[in-house]
Protein backbone atom coordinates (compact mmCIF):
# COMPACT_ATOMS: atom_id res chain seq x y z
CA UNK A 1 0.32 0.18 -0.13
CA UNK A 2 1.49 3.62 -1.16
CA UNK A 3 1.67 6.52 1.10
CA UNK A 4 0.52 10.11 0.31
CA UNK A 5 2.42 13.11 0.55
CA UNK A 6 0.80 14.40 3.66
CA UNK A 7 1.55 10.91 5.39
CA UNK A 8 5.15 11.77 4.90
CA UNK A 9 5.84 15.37 5.62
CA UNK A 10 3.20 15.04 8.67
CA UNK A 11 5.98 12.02 9.86
CA UNK A 12 8.76 13.94 9.31
CA UNK A 13 7.43 17.42 11.00
CA UNK A 14 6.58 14.94 14.21
CA UNK A 15 10.15 14.55 14.80
CA UNK A 16 11.45 17.26 13.17
CA UNK A 17 8.95 19.75 14.37
CA UNK A 18 10.88 22.88 13.26
CA UNK A 19 11.56 21.28 9.66
CA UNK A 20 10.32 22.91 6.47
CA UNK A 21 9.05 20.07 4.18
CA UNK A 22 8.59 19.86 0.81
CA UNK A 23 6.99 16.73 -1.29
CA UNK A 24 6.66 15.71 -4.67
CA UNK A 25 5.25 12.83 -5.80
CA UNK A 26 7.38 12.08 -8.77
CA UNK A 27 5.42 9.55 -10.34
CA UNK A 28 1.71 10.28 -9.29
CA UNK A 29 1.79 6.51 -8.61
CA UNK A 30 2.06 7.82 -4.71
CA UNK A 31 5.50 5.06 -4.56
CA UNK A 32 8.23 7.41 -5.86
CA UNK A 33 8.82 10.94 -4.06
CA UNK A 34 11.51 13.25 -3.54
CA UNK A 35 11.28 15.24 0.02
CA UNK A 36 12.77 18.37 0.69
CA UNK A 37 13.40 18.63 4.11
CA UNK A 38 15.03 21.83 6.55
CA UNK A 39 15.20 22.10 9.70
CA UNK A 40 17.95 23.29 12.28
CA UNK A 41 18.45 19.81 13.55
CA UNK A 42 20.41 19.21 11.22
CA UNK A 43 23.05 22.22 12.05
CA UNK A 44 26.66 20.52 12.65
CA UNK A 45 25.48 16.79 11.14
CA UNK A 46 27.00 15.08 8.24
CA UNK A 47 24.34 14.65 5.03
CA UNK A 48 24.76 11.09 6.27
CA UNK A 49 23.56 11.74 10.04
CA UNK A 50 20.68 14.35 8.34
CA UNK A 51 19.10 11.64 6.23
CA UNK A 52 19.35 9.32 8.55
CA UNK A 53 17.03 11.43 10.98
CA UNK A 54 14.48 11.64 8.52
CA UNK A 55 14.30 8.47 7.69
CA UNK A 56 14.30 7.38 11.45
CA UNK A 57 11.05 9.70 11.68
CA UNK A 58 9.45 8.18 8.75
CA UNK A 59 9.38 4.55 11.33
CA UNK A 60 9.92 2.28 9.31
CA UNK A 61 7.65 2.68 6.22
CA UNK A 62 10.85 3.45 3.75
CA UNK A 63 11.38 -0.02 1.66
CA UNK A 64 7.60 -0.74 2.42
CA UNK A 65 4.89 1.61 2.06
CA UNK A 66 7.25 4.17 0.44
CA UNK A 67 9.62 2.07 -2.66
CA UNK A 68 11.70 5.48 -3.34
CA UNK A 69 12.26 8.50 -1.60
CA UNK A 70 14.98 10.89 -3.35
CA UNK A 71 16.15 13.24 -0.16
CA UNK A 72 17.30 16.44 0.14
CA UNK A 73 18.05 18.33 3.07
CA UNK A 74 19.91 21.59 4.60
CA UNK A 75 20.17 23.42 7.48
CA UNK A 76 18.36 26.46 7.44
CA UNK A 77 20.20 29.85 6.01
CA UNK A 78 20.20 32.66 8.52
CA UNK A 79 21.77 35.10 6.49
């Protein structure tokens, strides 16, 4: 069963409440998404650590209900 974009966004924001999240359904099939996530919790963390925080927020759904997620993460730009 596929996930919808709102559910993905909700799960991420539950774990990263300050996050700015944009979800794009890449194929219109509810199975292949791109996520753009910006959070202050990413400051000082490597890209791998940032991605691990997001995957953790998805609570095991990656590879199951969520087939593919192209993930881009960043810390907020405070300039």
